[in-house]
Amino acid sequence: RVAFIASMNGQPINGSFRRFDTRIAFDPANLAGTSVVTVIYTG
């Protein structure tokens, strides 16, 4: 989930994005070779 919390007139607004794509290459022993690309469809 990709979610967000905003505030309007002092009241919290909880929301999320229903669609996103993420490409992850991760290795805790190889952070130099690690990368991430996330695309969030704002609509």
PDB file of all heavy atoms in Angstrom:
ATOM      1  N   ARG A   1       0.835  -1.201   0.000  1.00  0.00           N
ATOM      2  CA  ARG A   1       0.000   0.000   0.000  1.00  0.00           C
ATOM      3  C   ARG A   1       0.868   1.248   0.000  1.00  0.00           C
ATOM      4  O   ARG A   1       1.884   1.322   0.699  1.00  0.00           O
ATOM      5  CB  ARG A   1      -0.882  -0.039   1.245  1.00  0.00           C
ATOM      6  CG  ARG A   1      -1.827   1.101   1.424  1.00  0.00           C
ATOM      7  CD  ARG A   1      -2.691   0.816   2.645  1.00  0.00           C
ATOM      8  NE  ARG A   1      -3.380   1.987   3.099  1.00  0.00           N
ATOM      9  CZ  ARG A   1      -4.653   2.250   2.862  1.00  0.00           C
ATOM     10  NH1 ARG A   1      -5.378   1.398   2.178  1.00  0.00           N
ATOM     11  NH2 ARG A   1      -5.212   3.349   3.308  1.00  0.00           N
ATOM     12  N   VAL A   2       0.447   2.238  -0.787  1.00  0.00           N
ATOM     13  CA  VAL A   2       1.022   3.581  -0.734  1.00  0.00           C
ATOM     14  C   VAL A   2      -0.108   4.479  -0.251  1.00  0.00           C
ATOM     15  O   VAL A   2      -1.107   4.663  -0.947  1.00  0.00           O
ATOM     16  CB  VAL A   2       1.557   4.037  -2.104  1.00  0.00           C
ATOM     17  CG1 VAL A   2       2.062   5.473  -2.023  1.00  0.00           C
ATOM     18  CG2 VAL A   2       2.668   3.112  -2.586  1.00  0.00           C
ATOM     19  N   ALA A   3       0.051   5.004   0.958  1.00  0.00           N
ATOM     20  CA  ALA A   3      -1.013   5.784   1.587  1.00  0.00           C
ATOM     21  C   ALA A   3      -0.493   7.175   1.949  1.00  0.00           C
ATOM     22  O   ALA A   3       0.714   7.423   1.946  1.00  0.00           O
ATOM     23  CB  ALA A   3      -1.513   5.065   2.839  1.00  0.00           C
ATOM     24  N   PHE A   4      -1.429   8.061   2.262  1.00  0.00           N
ATOM     25  CA  PHE A   4      -1.032   9.406   2.685  1.00  0.00           C
ATOM     26  C   PHE A   4      -1.995   9.909   3.756  1.00  0.00           C
ATOM     27  O   PHE A   4      -3.145   9.482   3.842  1.00  0.00           O
ATOM     28  CB  PHE A   4      -0.985  10.376   1.502  1.00  0.00           C
ATOM     29  CG  PHE A   4      -2.280  10.509   0.751  1.00  0.00           C
ATOM     30  CD1 PHE A   4      -3.235  11.466   1.112  1.00  0.00           C
ATOM     31  CD2 PHE A   4      -2.551   9.688  -0.344  1.00  0.00           C
ATOM     32  CE1 PHE A   4      -4.434  11.586   0.412  1.00  0.00           C
ATOM     33  CE2 PHE A   4      -3.740   9.811  -1.054  1.00  0.00           C
ATOM     34  CZ  PHE A   4      -4.683  10.759  -0.674  1.00  0.00           C
ATOM     35  N   ILE A   5      -1.481  10.804   4.583  1.00  0.00           N
ATOM     36  CA  ILE A   5      -2.290  11.468   5.595  1.00  0.00           C
ATOM     37  C   ILE A   5      -2.103  12.967   5.413  1.00  0.00           C
ATOM     38  O   ILE A   5      -0.981  13.476   5.480  1.00  0.00           O
ATOM     39  CB  ILE A   5      -1.888  11.061   7.023  1.00  0.00           C
ATOM     40  CG1 ILE A   5      -2.001   9.546   7.210  1.00  0.00           C
ATOM     41  CG2 ILE A   5      -2.757  11.805   8.046  1.00  0.00           C
ATOM     42  CD1 ILE A   5      -1.400   9.046   8.511  1.00  0.00           C
ATOM     43  N   ALA A   6      -3.194  13.646   5.149  1.00  0.00           N
ATOM     44  CA  ALA A   6      -3.197  15.105   5.027  1.00  0.00           C
ATOM     45  C   ALA A   6      -4.123  15.644   6.107  1.00  0.00           C
ATOM     46  O   ALA A   6      -4.658  14.881   6.923  1.00  0.00           O
ATOM     47  CB  ALA A   6      -3.666  15.510   3.629  1.00  0.00           C
ATOM     48  N   SER A   7      -4.326  16.943   6.105  1.00  0.00           N
ATOM     49  CA  SER A   7      -5.210  17.541   7.106  1.00  0.00           C
ATOM     50  C   SER A   7      -5.941  18.726   6.491  1.00  0.00           C
ATOM     51  O   SER A   7      -5.331  19.566   5.821  1.00  0.00           O
ATOM     52  CB  SER A   7      -4.377  18.000   8.306  1.00  0.00           C
ATOM     53  OG  SER A   7      -5.180  18.668   9.246  1.00  0.00           O
ATOM     54  N   MET A   8      -7.255  18.774   6.714  1.00  0.00           N
ATOM     55  CA  MET A   8      -8.075  19.888   6.230  1.00  0.00           C
ATOM     56  C   MET A   8      -8.892  20.426   7.401  1.00  0.00           C
ATOM     57  O   MET A   8      -9.594  19.659   8.070  1.00  0.00           O
ATOM     58  CB  MET A   8      -8.991  19.437   5.095  1.00  0.00           C
ATOM     59  CG  MET A   8      -9.802  20.541   4.500  1.00  0.00           C
ATOM     60  SD  MET A   8     -10.665  19.923   3.020  1.00  0.00           S
ATOM     61  CE  MET A   8     -11.336  21.450   2.406  1.00  0.00           C
ATOM     62  N   ASN A   9      -8.755  21.712   7.641  1.00  0.00           N
ATOM     63  CA  ASN A   9      -9.429  22.364   8.768  1.00  0.00           C
ATOM     64  C   ASN A   9      -9.177  21.616  10.080  1.00  0.00           C
ATOM     65  O   ASN A   9     -10.062  21.451  10.907  1.00  0.00           O
ATOM     66  CB  ASN A   9     -10.937  22.487   8.504  1.00  0.00           C
ATOM     67  CG  ASN A   9     -11.220  23.343   7.280  1.00  0.00           C
ATOM     68  OD1 ASN A   9     -10.558  24.350   7.060  1.00  0.00           O
ATOM     69  ND2 ASN A   9     -12.186  22.929   6.487  1.00  0.00           N
ATOM     70  N   GLY A  10      -7.949  21.149  10.234  1.00  0.00           N
ATOM     71  CA  GLY A  10      -7.547  20.464  11.456  1.00  0.00           C
ATOM     72  C   GLY A  10      -7.982  19.026  11.561  1.00  0.00           C
ATOM     73  O   GLY A  10      -7.655  18.348  12.532  1.00  0.00           O
ATOM     74  N   GLN A  11      -8.704  18.518  10.572  1.00  0.00           N
ATOM     75  CA  GLN A  11      -9.182  17.131  10.592  1.00  0.00           C
ATOM     76  C   GLN A  11      -8.317  16.269   9.665  1.00  0.00           C
ATOM     77  O   GLN A  11      -8.047  16.662   8.534  1.00  0.00           O
ATOM     78  CB  GLN A  11     -10.642  17.054  10.134  1.00  0.00           C
ATOM     79  CG  GLN A  11     -11.597  17.840  11.009  1.00  0.00           C
ATOM     80  CD  GLN A  11     -11.600  17.325  12.437  1.00  0.00           C
ATOM     81  OE1 GLN A  11     -11.698  16.126  12.679  1.00  0.00           O
ATOM     82  NE2 GLN A  11     -11.468  18.231  13.395  1.00  0.00           N
ATOM     83  N   PRO A  12      -7.889  15.097  10.127  1.00  0.00           N
ATOM     84  CA  PRO A  12      -7.052  14.251   9.270  1.00  0.00           C
ATOM     85  C   PRO A  12      -7.820  13.703   8.074  1.00  0.00           C
ATOM     86  O   PRO A  12      -9.010  13.419   8.167  1.00  0.00           O
ATOM     87  CB  PRO A  12      -6.608  13.115  10.197  1.00  0.00           C
ATOM     88  CG  PRO A  12      -7.616  13.091  11.289  1.00  0.00           C
ATOM     89  CD  PRO A  12      -8.147  14.490  11.429  1.00  0.00           C
ATOM     90  N   ILE A  13      -7.113  13.590   6.974  1.00  0.00           N
ATOM     91  CA  ILE A  13      -7.636  12.968   5.752  1.00  0.00           C
ATOM     92  C   ILE A  13      -6.729  11.786   5.453  1.00  0.00           C
ATOM     93  O   ILE A  13      -5.534  11.956   5.212  1.00  0.00           O
ATOM     94  CB  ILE A  13      -7.611  13.952   4.559  1.00  0.00           C
ATOM     95  CG1 ILE A  13      -8.484  15.162   4.836  1.00  0.00           C
ATOM     96  CG2 ILE A  13      -8.025  13.238   3.274  1.00  0.00           C
ATOM     97  CD1 ILE A  13      -8.300  16.285   3.827  1.00  0.00           C
ATOM     98  N   ASN A  14      -7.286  10.587   5.498  1.00  0.00           N
ATOM     99  CA  ASN A  14      -6.522   9.388   5.185  1.00  0.00           C
ATOM    100  C   ASN A  14      -6.848   8.958   3.767  1.00  0.00           C
ATOM    101  O   ASN A  14      -8.013   8.837   3.408  1.00  0.00           O
ATOM    102  CB  ASN A  14      -6.873   8.257   6.156  1.00  0.00           C
ATOM    103  CG  ASN A  14      -6.402   8.562   7.556  1.00  0.00           C
ATOM    104  OD1 ASN A  14      -5.211   8.668   7.801  1.00  0.00           O
ATOM    105  ND2 ASN A  14      -7.331   8.735   8.475  1.00  0.00           N
ATOM    106  N   GLY A  15      -5.817   8.741   2.977  1.00  0.00           N
ATOM    107  CA  GLY A  15      -6.028   8.328   1.601  1.00  0.00           C
ATOM    108  C   GLY A  15      -4.985   7.338   1.145  1.00  0.00           C
ATOM    109  O   GLY A  15      -4.031   7.026   1.871  1.00  0.00           O
ATOM    110  N   SER A  16      -5.175   6.848  -0.059  1.00  0.00           N
ATOM    111  CA  SER A  16      -4.205   5.924  -0.650  1.00  0.00           C
ATOM    112  C   SER A  16      -4.307   5.996  -2.167  1.00  0.00           C
ATOM    113  O   SER A  16      -5.246   6.568  -2.719  1.00  0.00           O
ATOM    114  CB  SER A  16      -4.442   4.492  -0.174  1.00  0.00           C
ATOM    115  OG  SER A  16      -5.692   4.025  -0.624  1.00  0.00           O
ATOM    116  N   PHE A  17      -3.321   5.408  -2.812  1.00  0.00           N
ATOM    117  CA  PHE A  17      -3.314   5.291  -4.269  1.00  0.00           C
ATOM    118  C   PHE A  17      -3.609   3.838  -4.601  1.00  0.00           C
ATOM    119  O   PHE A  17      -2.913   2.932  -4.139  1.00  0.00           O
ATOM    120  CB  PHE A  17      -1.962   5.718  -4.835  1.00  0.00           C
ATOM    121  CG  PHE A  17      -1.654   7.161  -4.588  1.00  0.00           C
ATOM    122  CD1 PHE A  17      -0.908   7.550  -3.483  1.00  0.00           C
ATOM    123  CD2 PHE A  17      -2.134   8.142  -5.443  1.00  0.00           C
ATOM    124  CE1 PHE A  17      -0.631   8.882  -3.239  1.00  0.00           C
ATOM    125  CE2 PHE A  17      -1.870   9.480  -5.203  1.00  0.00           C
ATOM    126  CZ  PHE A  17      -1.120   9.847  -4.095  1.00  0.00           C
ATOM    127  N   ARG A  18      -4.661   3.622  -5.384  1.00  0.00           N
ATOM    128  CA  ARG A  18      -5.070   2.248  -5.702  1.00  0.00           C
ATOM    129  C   ARG A  18      -4.136   1.579  -6.690  1.00  0.00           C
ATOM    130  O   ARG A  18      -4.139   0.353  -6.807  1.00  0.00           O
ATOM    131  CB  ARG A  18      -6.494   2.243  -6.247  1.00  0.00           C
ATOM    132  CG  ARG A  18      -7.535   2.599  -5.189  1.00  0.00           C
ATOM    133  CD  ARG A  18      -8.908   2.647  -5.783  1.00  0.00           C
ATOM    134  NE  ARG A  18      -8.934   3.755  -6.749  1.00  0.00           N
ATOM    135  CZ  ARG A  18      -9.985   4.138  -7.427  1.00  0.00           C
ATOM    136  NH1 ARG A  18     -11.122   3.509  -7.296  1.00  0.00           N
ATOM    137  NH2 ARG A  18      -9.928   5.152  -8.258  1.00  0.00           N
ATOM    138  N   ARG A  19      -3.342   2.364  -7.434  1.00  0.00           N
ATOM    139  CA  ARG A  19      -2.470   1.749  -8.437  1.00  0.00           C
ATOM    140  C   ARG A  19      -1.073   2.352  -8.372  1.00  0.00           C
ATOM    141  O   ARG A  19      -0.901   3.575  -8.389  1.00  0.00           O
ATOM    142  CB  ARG A  19      -3.054   1.945  -9.834  1.00  0.00           C
ATOM    143  CG  ARG A  19      -2.249   1.243 -10.900  1.00  0.00           C
ATOM    144  CD  ARG A  19      -2.919   1.260 -12.255  1.00  0.00           C
ATOM    145  NE  ARG A  19      -1.985   0.766 -13.234  1.00  0.00           N
ATOM    146  CZ  ARG A  19      -1.840   1.260 -14.447  1.00  0.00           C
ATOM    147  NH1 ARG A  19      -2.611   2.250 -14.847  1.00  0.00           N
ATOM    148  NH2 ARG A  19      -0.956   0.758 -15.283  1.00  0.00           N
ATOM    149  N   PHE A  20      -0.095   1.458  -8.302  1.00  0.00           N
ATOM    150  CA  PHE A  20       1.315   1.848  -8.365  1.00  0.00           C
ATOM    151  C   PHE A  20       2.118   0.653  -8.857  1.00  0.00           C
ATOM    152  O   PHE A  20       1.698  -0.494  -8.719  1.00  0.00           O
ATOM    153  CB  PHE A  20       1.828   2.334  -7.000  1.00  0.00           C
ATOM    154  CG  PHE A  20       1.772   1.290  -5.924  1.00  0.00           C
ATOM    155  CD1 PHE A  20       2.852   0.460  -5.676  1.00  0.00           C
ATOM    156  CD2 PHE A  20       0.631   1.131  -5.156  1.00  0.00           C
ATOM    157  CE1 PHE A  20       2.794  -0.508  -4.687  1.00  0.00           C
ATOM    158  CE2 PHE A  20       0.556   0.164  -4.171  1.00  0.00           C
ATOM    159  CZ  PHE A  20       1.642  -0.658  -3.940  1.00  0.00           C
ATOM    160  N   ASP A  21       3.254   0.918  -9.461  1.00  0.00           N
ATOM    161  CA  ASP A  21       4.163  -0.121  -9.931  1.00  0.00           C
ATOM    162  C   ASP A  21       5.535   0.155  -9.340  1.00  0.00           C
ATOM    163  O   ASP A  21       5.974   1.314  -9.297  1.00  0.00           O
ATOM    164  CB  ASP A  21       4.259  -0.120 -11.461  1.00  0.00           C
ATOM    165  CG  ASP A  21       2.950  -0.543 -12.114  1.00  0.00           C
ATOM    166  OD1 ASP A  21       2.357  -1.530 -11.661  1.00  0.00           O
ATOM    167  OD2 ASP A  21       2.526   0.130 -13.076  1.00  0.00           O
ATOM    168  N   THR A  22       6.207  -0.892  -8.901  1.00  0.00           N
ATOM    169  CA  THR A  22       7.523  -0.745  -8.286  1.00  0.00           C
ATOM    170  C   THR A  22       8.476  -1.797  -8.829  1.00  0.00           C
ATOM    171  O   THR A  22       8.140  -2.971  -8.886  1.00  0.00           O
ATOM    172  CB  THR A  22       7.425  -0.892  -6.755  1.00  0.00           C
ATOM    173  OG1 THR A  22       6.521   0.078  -6.247  1.00  0.00           O
ATOM    174  CG2 THR A  22       8.769  -0.683  -6.096  1.00  0.00           C
ATOM    175  N   ARG A  23       9.658  -1.338  -9.243  1.00  0.00           N
ATOM    176  CA  ARG A  23      10.757  -2.237  -9.623  1.00  0.00           C
ATOM    177  C   ARG A  23      11.821  -2.106  -8.541  1.00  0.00           C
ATOM    178  O   ARG A  23      12.356  -1.013  -8.313  1.00  0.00           O
ATOM    179  CB  ARG A  23      11.330  -1.863 -10.982  1.00  0.00           C
ATOM    180  CG  ARG A  23      10.434  -2.220 -12.140  1.00  0.00           C
ATOM    181  CD  ARG A  23      11.133  -2.101 -13.494  1.00  0.00           C
ATOM    182  NE  ARG A  23      12.116  -1.045 -13.606  1.00  0.00           N
ATOM    183  CZ  ARG A  23      11.894   0.134 -14.178  1.00  0.00           C
ATOM    184  NH1 ARG A  23      10.733   0.427 -14.692  1.00  0.00           N
ATOM    185  NH2 ARG A  23      12.863   1.023 -14.259  1.00  0.00           N
ATOM    186  N   ILE A  24      12.112  -3.216  -7.877  1.00  0.00           N
ATOM    187  CA  ILE A  24      13.069  -3.204  -6.775  1.00  0.00           C
ATOM    188  C   ILE A  24      14.187  -4.195  -7.062  1.00  0.00           C
ATOM    189  O   ILE A  24      13.930  -5.348  -7.395  1.00  0.00           O
ATOM    190  CB  ILE A  24      12.390  -3.597  -5.449  1.00  0.00           C
ATOM    191  CG1 ILE A  24      11.271  -2.612  -5.107  1.00  0.00           C
ATOM    192  CG2 ILE A  24      13.411  -3.663  -4.317  1.00  0.00           C
ATOM    193  CD1 ILE A  24      10.406  -3.058  -3.948  1.00  0.00           C
ATOM    194  N   ALA A  25      15.421  -3.744  -6.901  1.00  0.00           N
ATOM    195  CA  ALA A  25      16.603  -4.601  -6.874  1.00  0.00           C
ATOM    196  C   ALA A  25      17.269  -4.286  -5.543  1.00  0.00           C
ATOM    197  O   ALA A  25      17.726  -3.158  -5.330  1.00  0.00           O
ATOM    198  CB  ALA A  25      17.531  -4.310  -8.046  1.00  0.00           C
ATOM    199  N   PHE A  26      17.274  -5.234  -4.613  1.00  0.00           N
ATOM    200  CA  PHE A  26      17.779  -4.938  -3.267  1.00  0.00           C
ATOM    201  C   PHE A  26      18.574  -6.100  -2.709  1.00  0.00           C
ATOM    202  O   PHE A  26      18.184  -7.255  -2.822  1.00  0.00           O
ATOM    203  CB  PHE A  26      16.621  -4.630  -2.307  1.00  0.00           C
ATOM    204  CG  PHE A  26      17.095  -4.129  -0.973  1.00  0.00           C
ATOM    205  CD1 PHE A  26      17.345  -2.792  -0.772  1.00  0.00           C
ATOM    206  CD2 PHE A  26      17.321  -5.014   0.078  1.00  0.00           C
ATOM    207  CE1 PHE A  26      17.810  -2.326   0.457  1.00  0.00           C
ATOM    208  CE2 PHE A  26      17.794  -4.569   1.307  1.00  0.00           C
ATOM    209  CZ  PHE A  26      18.032  -3.211   1.491  1.00  0.00           C
ATOM    210  N   ASP A  27      19.699  -5.743  -2.079  1.00  0.00           N
ATOM    211  CA  ASP A  27      20.524  -6.705  -1.365  1.00  0.00           C
ATOM    212  C   ASP A  27      21.184  -5.949  -0.222  1.00  0.00           C
ATOM    213  O   ASP A  27      21.959  -5.021  -0.460  1.00  0.00           O
ATOM    214  CB  ASP A  27      21.576  -7.301  -2.295  1.00  0.00           C
ATOM    215  CG  ASP A  27      22.431  -8.367  -1.629  1.00  0.00           C
ATOM    216  OD1 ASP A  27      22.366  -8.529  -0.392  1.00  0.00           O
ATOM    217  OD2 ASP A  27      23.177  -9.047  -2.349  1.00  0.00           O
ATOM    218  N   PRO A  28      20.890  -6.303   1.040  1.00  0.00           N
ATOM    219  CA  PRO A  28      21.495  -5.569   2.149  1.00  0.00           C
ATOM    220  C   PRO A  28      23.016  -5.654   2.163  1.00  0.00           C
ATOM    221  O   PRO A  28      23.679  -4.780   2.718  1.00  0.00           O
ATOM    222  CB  PRO A  28      20.885  -6.220   3.395  1.00  0.00           C
ATOM    223  CG  PRO A  28      20.244  -7.475   2.952  1.00  0.00           C
ATOM    224  CD  PRO A  28      19.990  -7.359   1.481  1.00  0.00           C
ATOM    225  N   ALA A  29      23.583  -6.684   1.527  1.00  0.00           N
ATOM    226  CA  ALA A  29      25.033  -6.824   1.452  1.00  0.00           C
ATOM    227  C   ALA A  29      25.612  -6.143   0.219  1.00  0.00           C
ATOM    228  O   ALA A  29      26.824  -6.138   0.027  1.00  0.00           O
ATOM    229  CB  ALA A  29      25.407  -8.305   1.460  1.00  0.00           C
ATOM    230  N   ASN A  30      24.762  -5.581  -0.633  1.00  0.00           N
ATOM    231  CA  ASN A  30      25.207  -4.931  -1.865  1.00  0.00           C
ATOM    232  C   ASN A  30      24.362  -3.671  -2.109  1.00  0.00           C
ATOM    233  O   ASN A  30      23.639  -3.575  -3.088  1.00  0.00           O
ATOM    234  CB  ASN A  30      25.077  -5.909  -3.047  1.00  0.00           C
ATOM    235  CG  ASN A  30      25.517  -5.296  -4.363  1.00  0.00           C
ATOM    236  OD1 ASN A  30      26.179  -4.267  -4.403  1.00  0.00           O
ATOM    237  ND2 ASN A  30      25.136  -5.930  -5.454  1.00  0.00           N
ATOM    238  N   LEU A  31      24.452  -2.724  -1.193  1.00  0.00           N
ATOM    239  CA  LEU A  31      23.656  -1.502  -1.344  1.00  0.00           C
ATOM    240  C   LEU A  31      24.086  -0.696  -2.565  1.00  0.00           C
ATOM    241  O   LEU A  31      23.273   0.022  -3.142  1.00  0.00           O
ATOM    242  CB  LEU A  31      23.729  -0.660  -0.071  1.00  0.00           C
ATOM    243  CG  LEU A  31      23.061  -1.287   1.155  1.00  0.00           C
ATOM    244  CD1 LEU A  31      23.188  -0.372   2.364  1.00  0.00           C
ATOM    245  CD2 LEU A  31      21.607  -1.626   0.884  1.00  0.00           C
ATOM    246  N   ALA A  32      25.333  -0.834  -2.994  1.00  0.00           N
ATOM    247  CA  ALA A  32      25.791  -0.117  -4.183  1.00  0.00           C
ATOM    248  C   ALA A  32      25.088  -0.608  -5.441  1.00  0.00           C
ATOM    249  O   ALA A  32      24.941   0.131  -6.405  1.00  0.00           O
ATOM    250  CB  ALA A  32      27.304  -0.254  -4.339  1.00  0.00           C
ATOM    251  N   GLY A  33      24.633  -1.859  -5.450  1.00  0.00           N
ATOM    252  CA  GLY A  33      23.932  -2.415  -6.605  1.00  0.00           C
ATOM    253  C   GLY A  33      22.420  -2.368  -6.460  1.00  0.00           C
ATOM    254  O   GLY A  33      21.696  -2.925  -7.277  1.00  0.00           O
ATOM    255  N   THR A  34      21.942  -1.699  -5.421  1.00  0.00           N
ATOM    256  CA  THR A  34      20.520  -1.647  -5.115  1.00  0.00           C
ATOM    257  C   THR A  34      19.855  -0.460  -5.803  1.00  0.00           C
ATOM    258  O   THR A  34      20.470   0.601  -5.948  1.00  0.00           O
ATOM    259  CB  THR A  34      20.341  -1.570  -3.577  1.00  0.00           C
ATOM    260  OG1 THR A  34      20.775  -2.804  -3.016  1.00  0.00           O
ATOM    261  CG2 THR A  34      18.923  -1.304  -3.172  1.00  0.00           C
ATOM    262  N   SER A  35      18.600  -0.642  -6.230  1.00  0.00           N
ATOM    263  CA  SER A  35      17.861   0.460  -6.864  1.00  0.00           C
ATOM    264  C   SER A  35      16.362   0.226  -6.727  1.00  0.00           C
ATOM    265  O   SER A  35      15.920  -0.895  -6.502  1.00  0.00           O
ATOM    266  CB  SER A  35      18.226   0.580  -8.345  1.00  0.00           C
ATOM    267  OG  SER A  35      17.808  -0.570  -9.054  1.00  0.00           O
ATOM    268  N   VAL A  36      15.610   1.306  -6.855  1.00  0.00           N
ATOM    269  CA  VAL A  36      14.153   1.225  -6.842  1.00  0.00           C
ATOM    270  C   VAL A  36      13.591   2.289  -7.766  1.00  0.00           C
ATOM    271  O   VAL A  36      14.134   3.396  -7.866  1.00  0.00           O
ATOM    272  CB  VAL A  36      13.578   1.380  -5.413  1.00  0.00           C
ATOM    273  CG1 VAL A  36      13.843   2.760  -4.850  1.00  0.00           C
ATOM    274  CG2 VAL A  36      12.096   1.083  -5.387  1.00  0.00           C
ATOM    275  N   VAL A  37      12.546   1.925  -8.478  1.00  0.00           N
ATOM    276  CA  VAL A  37      11.777   2.872  -9.292  1.00  0.00           C
ATOM    277  C   VAL A  37      10.306   2.594  -8.993  1.00  0.00           C
ATOM    278  O   VAL A  37       9.836   1.474  -9.179  1.00  0.00           O
ATOM    279  CB  VAL A  37      12.044   2.708 -10.798  1.00  0.00           C
ATOM    280  CG1 VAL A  37      11.149   3.642 -11.605  1.00  0.00           C
ATOM    281  CG2 VAL A  37      13.509   2.942 -11.127  1.00  0.00           C
ATOM    282  N   THR A  38       9.607   3.612  -8.509  1.00  0.00           N
ATOM    283  CA  THR A  38       8.187   3.481  -8.210  1.00  0.00           C
ATOM    284  C   THR A  38       7.406   4.503  -9.017  1.00  0.00           C
ATOM    285  O   THR A  38       7.773   5.680  -9.065  1.00  0.00           O
ATOM    286  CB  THR A  38       7.915   3.687  -6.704  1.00  0.00           C
ATOM    287  OG1 THR A  38       8.624   2.690  -5.976  1.00  0.00           O
ATOM    288  CG2 THR A  38       6.432   3.586  -6.389  1.00  0.00           C
ATOM    289  N   VAL A  39       6.355   4.046  -9.659  1.00  0.00           N
ATOM    290  CA  VAL A  39       5.445   4.911 -10.410  1.00  0.00           C
ATOM    291  C   VAL A  39       4.094   4.841  -9.719  1.00  0.00           C
ATOM    292  O   VAL A  39       3.533   3.757  -9.555  1.00  0.00           O
ATOM    293  CB  VAL A  39       5.324   4.464 -11.881  1.00  0.00           C
ATOM    294  CG1 VAL A  39       4.313   5.334 -12.628  1.00  0.00           C
ATOM    295  CG2 VAL A  39       6.681   4.486 -12.569  1.00  0.00           C
ATOM    296  N   ILE A  40       3.590   6.002  -9.296  1.00  0.00           N
ATOM    297  CA  ILE A  40       2.293   6.084  -8.620  1.00  0.00           C
ATOM    298  C   ILE A  40       1.324   6.785  -9.557  1.00  0.00           C
ATOM    299  O   ILE A  40       1.591   7.903 -10.019  1.00  0.00           O
ATOM    300  CB  ILE A  40       2.416   6.865  -7.301  1.00  0.00           C
ATOM    301  CG1 ILE A  40       3.404   6.150  -6.367  1.00  0.00           C
ATOM    302  CG2 ILE A  40       1.051   7.034  -6.635  1.00  0.00           C
ATOM    303  CD1 ILE A  40       3.844   6.987  -5.193  1.00  0.00           C
ATOM    304  N   TYR A  41       0.217   6.139  -9.842  1.00  0.00           N
ATOM    305  CA  TYR A  41      -0.789   6.708 -10.739  1.00  0.00           C
ATOM    306  C   TYR A  41      -1.700   7.616  -9.915  1.00  0.00           C
ATOM    307  O   TYR A  41      -2.580   7.151  -9.195  1.00  0.00           O
ATOM    308  CB  TYR A  41      -1.542   5.581 -11.453  1.00  0.00           C
ATOM    309  CG  TYR A  41      -0.594   4.780 -12.323  1.00  0.00           C
ATOM    310  CD1 TYR A  41       0.103   3.698 -11.796  1.00  0.00           C
ATOM    311  CD2 TYR A  41      -0.349   5.162 -13.634  1.00  0.00           C
ATOM    312  CE1 TYR A  41       1.013   2.995 -12.571  1.00  0.00           C
ATOM    313  CE2 TYR A  41       0.559   4.453 -14.416  1.00  0.00           C
ATOM    314  CZ  TYR A  41       1.235   3.381 -13.879  1.00  0.00           C
ATOM    315  OH  TYR A  41       2.153   2.683 -14.641  1.00  0.00           O
ATOM    316  N   THR A  42      -1.457   8.923 -10.015  1.00  0.00           N
ATOM    317  CA  THR A  42      -2.112   9.893  -9.136  1.00  0.00           C
ATOM    318  C   THR A  42      -3.621   9.960  -9.342  1.00  0.00           C
ATOM    319  O   THR A  42      -4.349  10.333  -8.426  1.00  0.00           O
ATOM    320  CB  THR A  42      -1.491  11.286  -9.314  1.00  0.00           C
ATOM    321  OG1 THR A  42      -1.499  11.643 -10.698  1.00  0.00           O
ATOM    322  CG2 THR A  42      -0.058  11.305  -8.806  1.00  0.00           C
ATOM    323  N   GLY A  43      -4.097   9.563 -10.496  1.00  0.00           N
ATOM    324  CA  GLY A  43      -5.532   9.548 -10.744  1.00  0.00           C
ATOM    325  C   GLY A  43      -6.261   8.478  -9.965  1.00  0.00           C
ATOM    326  O   GLY A  43      -7.496   8.442  -9.961  1.00  0.00           O
TER     327      GLY A  43
END
